[in-house]
Amino acid sequence: MEESEARRLAEEFGRGLTEQWDEWACELRLWATPAVTGVYGFTWGPTAKDEQGRQIRLGGNWPILVDQDTGACRLVQGPTEFAALRGTSTARKKRWAAAARKQHPPT
């Protein structure tokens, strides 16, 4: 599946999540998922106007995943899956912390 088709499916899925997609000027951004293959990931950010009338991006939405084989869409299911998809699982974080302690011992 091409990225453009995955983006179209992700937008269709996102529009089903909120009736304010257009009002909030939601925008999809390709999200790198280095720890997994076979899916496209897209972050989607609504925007709002600040006190000066400028568009600002709001956050807080879980990325949309699109299966490259089936086109099935779903949201990332919480912080554990999010960390695993980013390649920053708890085990990996612990290994990095241990490595950092070895290189920079307390004084």
C-alpha atoms as a PDB file:
ATOM      1  CA  MET A   1       0.000   0.000   0.000  1.00  0.00           C
ATOM      2  CA  GLU A   2       1.266   3.455  -0.862  1.00  0.00           C
ATOM      3  CA  GLU A   3       1.589   6.082   1.853  1.00  0.00           C
ATOM      4  CA  SER A   4      -1.000   8.285   0.124  1.00  0.00           C
ATOM      5  CA  GLU A   5      -3.637   5.529   0.328  1.00  0.00           C
ATOM      6  CA  ALA A   6      -2.766   4.879   3.984  1.00  0.00           C
ATOM      7  CA  ARG A   7      -3.097   8.615   4.666  1.00  0.00           C
ATOM      8  CA  ARG A   8      -6.541   8.666   3.016  1.00  0.00           C
ATOM      9  CA  LEU A   9      -7.681   5.709   5.146  1.00  0.00           C
ATOM     10  CA  ALA A  10      -6.267   7.285   8.316  1.00  0.00           C
ATOM     11  CA  GLU A  11      -8.093  10.540   7.610  1.00  0.00           C
ATOM     12  CA  GLU A  12     -11.344   8.691   6.987  1.00  0.00           C
ATOM     13  CA  PHE A  13     -10.851   6.844  10.287  1.00  0.00           C
ATOM     14  CA  GLY A  14      -9.986  10.088  12.106  1.00  0.00           C
ATOM     15  CA  ARG A  15     -13.074  11.829  10.761  1.00  0.00           C
ATOM     16  CA  GLY A  16     -15.094   9.012  12.313  1.00  0.00           C
ATOM     17  CA  LEU A  17     -13.552   9.798  15.699  1.00  0.00           C
ATOM     18  CA  THR A  18     -14.612  13.437  15.836  1.00  0.00           C
ATOM     19  CA  GLU A  19     -17.277  15.504  14.144  1.00  0.00           C
ATOM     20  CA  GLN A  20     -15.012  18.567  14.496  1.00  0.00           C
ATOM     21  CA  TRP A  21     -12.248  17.305  12.133  1.00  0.00           C
ATOM     22  CA  ASP A  22     -12.692  20.209   9.721  1.00  0.00           C
ATOM     23  CA  GLU A  23     -13.563  22.802  12.371  1.00  0.00           C
ATOM     24  CA  TRP A  24     -10.398  21.917  14.315  1.00  0.00           C
ATOM     25  CA  ALA A  25      -8.332  21.775  11.083  1.00  0.00           C
ATOM     26  CA  CYS A  26      -6.956  18.351  12.009  1.00  0.00           C
ATOM     27  CA  GLU A  27      -3.769  17.504  10.176  1.00  0.00           C
ATOM     28  CA  LEU A  28      -2.148  14.102   9.671  1.00  0.00           C
ATOM     29  CA  ARG A  29       1.612  13.729   9.953  1.00  0.00           C
ATOM     30  CA  LEU A  30       3.518  10.566   9.111  1.00  0.00           C
ATOM     31  CA  TRP A  31       4.837   9.040  12.334  1.00  0.00           C
ATOM     32  CA  ALA A  32       7.919   6.863  12.162  1.00  0.00           C
ATOM     33  CA  THR A  33       7.398   3.499  13.850  1.00  0.00           C
ATOM     34  CA  PRO A  34      10.956   2.142  13.896  1.00  0.00           C
ATOM     35  CA  ALA A  35      10.191  -0.881  16.050  1.00  0.00           C
ATOM     36  CA  VAL A  36       7.537  -2.360  13.769  1.00  0.00           C
ATOM     37  CA  THR A  37       7.032  -2.997  10.079  1.00  0.00           C
ATOM     38  CA  GLY A  38       3.849  -3.478   8.109  1.00  0.00           C
ATOM     39  CA  VAL A  39       2.027  -0.429   9.427  1.00  0.00           C
ATOM     40  CA  TYR A  40       1.895   3.251   8.691  1.00  0.00           C
ATOM     41  CA  GLY A  41       1.509   5.482  11.698  1.00  0.00           C
ATOM     42  CA  PHE A  42       0.016   8.960  11.594  1.00  0.00           C
ATOM     43  CA  THR A  43      -0.194  11.535  14.324  1.00  0.00           C
ATOM     44  CA  TRP A  44      -3.162  13.849  14.060  1.00  0.00           C
ATOM     45  CA  GLY A  45      -3.326  17.191  15.664  1.00  0.00           C
ATOM     46  CA  PRO A  46      -6.315  19.444  16.038  1.00  0.00           C
ATOM     47  CA  THR A  47      -5.685  23.164  16.098  1.00  0.00           C
ATOM     48  CA  ALA A  48      -7.346  26.113  17.780  1.00  0.00           C
ATOM     49  CA  LYS A  49      -6.934  29.875  17.710  1.00  0.00           C
ATOM     50  CA  ASP A  50      -5.004  31.560  20.481  1.00  0.00           C
ATOM     51  CA  GLU A  51      -5.834  34.954  21.997  1.00  0.00           C
ATOM     52  CA  GLN A  52      -4.242  36.726  19.007  1.00  0.00           C
ATOM     53  CA  GLY A  53      -6.211  34.640  16.501  1.00  0.00           C
ATOM     54  CA  ARG A  54      -3.236  32.507  15.412  1.00  0.00           C
ATOM     55  CA  GLN A  55      -3.709  28.792  14.738  1.00  0.00           C
ATOM     56  CA  ILE A  56      -1.926  26.669  17.338  1.00  0.00           C
ATOM     57  CA  ARG A  57      -1.596  22.898  17.323  1.00  0.00           C
ATOM     58  CA  LEU A  58      -3.114  20.994  20.221  1.00  0.00           C
ATOM     59  CA  GLY A  59      -1.876  17.547  21.230  1.00  0.00           C
ATOM     60  CA  GLY A  60      -2.940  14.554  23.208  1.00  0.00           C
ATOM     61  CA  ASN A  61      -4.302  12.148  20.593  1.00  0.00           C
ATOM     62  CA  TRP A  62      -2.961   8.631  20.165  1.00  0.00           C
ATOM     63  CA  PRO A  63      -1.538   8.009  16.679  1.00  0.00           C
ATOM     64  CA  ILE A  64      -3.610   6.216  14.055  1.00  0.00           C
ATOM     65  CA  LEU A  65      -2.116   2.969  12.736  1.00  0.00           C
ATOM     66  CA  VAL A  66      -2.934   1.666   9.253  1.00  0.00           C
ATOM     67  CA  ASP A  67      -2.149  -1.961   8.414  1.00  0.00           C
ATOM     68  CA  GLN A  68      -0.279  -1.969   5.086  1.00  0.00           C
ATOM     69  CA  ASP A  69      -1.787  -5.310   4.013  1.00  0.00           C
ATOM     70  CA  THR A  70      -5.437  -4.892   4.972  1.00  0.00           C
ATOM     71  CA  GLY A  71      -5.925  -1.132   5.313  1.00  0.00           C
ATOM     72  CA  ALA A  72      -7.458  -1.667   8.755  1.00  0.00           C
ATOM     73  CA  CYS A  73      -7.120   1.385  11.002  1.00  0.00           C
ATOM     74  CA  ARG A  74      -6.980   1.716  14.768  1.00  0.00           C
ATOM     75  CA  LEU A  75      -5.570   3.950  17.456  1.00  0.00           C
ATOM     76  CA  VAL A  76      -2.439   3.097  19.418  1.00  0.00           C
ATOM     77  CA  GLN A  77      -3.647   1.420  22.600  1.00  0.00           C
ATOM     78  CA  GLY A  78      -2.026   3.394  25.395  1.00  0.00           C
ATOM     79  CA  PRO A  79       1.464   4.242  26.619  1.00  0.00           C
ATOM     80  CA  THR A  80       2.854   0.687  26.646  1.00  0.00           C
ATOM     81  CA  GLU A  81       2.088   0.104  22.973  1.00  0.00           C
ATOM     82  CA  PHE A  82       3.203   3.641  22.127  1.00  0.00           C
ATOM     83  CA  ALA A  83       6.596   3.018  23.759  1.00  0.00           C
ATOM     84  CA  ALA A  84       6.942  -0.362  22.062  1.00  0.00           C
ATOM     85  CA  LEU A  85       6.186   1.125  18.627  1.00  0.00           C
ATOM     86  CA  ARG A  86       8.730   3.880  19.190  1.00  0.00           C
ATOM     87  CA  GLY A  87      11.279   1.333  20.316  1.00  0.00           C
ATOM     88  CA  THR A  88      11.335   2.850  23.795  1.00  0.00           C
ATOM     89  CA  SER A  89       9.873   0.023  25.819  1.00  0.00           C
ATOM     90  CA  THR A  90      10.572  -0.161  29.550  1.00  0.00           C
ATOM     91  CA  ALA A  91      13.264  -2.794  29.031  1.00  0.00           C
ATOM     92  CA  ARG A  92      15.052  -0.614  26.498  1.00  0.00           C
ATOM     93  CA  LYS A  93      14.825   2.436  28.751  1.00  0.00           C
ATOM     94  CA  LYS A  94      16.360   0.427  31.616  1.00  0.00           C
ATOM     95  CA  ARG A  95      19.242  -0.714  29.378  1.00  0.00           C
ATOM     96  CA  TRP A  96      19.938   2.887  28.312  1.00  0.00           C
ATOM     97  CA  ALA A  97      19.825   4.093  31.916  1.00  0.00           C
ATOM     98  CA  ALA A  98      22.220   1.342  33.009  1.00  0.00           C
ATOM     99  CA  ALA A  99      24.606   2.170  30.171  1.00  0.00           C
ATOM    100  CA  ALA A 100      24.487   5.868  31.063  1.00  0.00           C
ATOM    101  CA  ARG A 101      25.300   5.097  34.725  1.00  0.00           C
ATOM    102  CA  LYS A 102      28.359   3.091  33.650  1.00  0.00           C
ATOM    103  CA  GLN A 103      29.638   5.955  31.508  1.00  0.00           C
ATOM    104  CA  HIS A 104      28.877   8.681  34.035  1.00  0.00           C
ATOM    105  CA  PRO A 105      29.363   7.278  37.548  1.00  0.00           C
ATOM    106  CA  PRO A 106      28.165   9.423  40.442  1.00  0.00           C
ATOM    107  CA  THR A 107      30.805  11.713  41.912  1.00  0.00           C
END
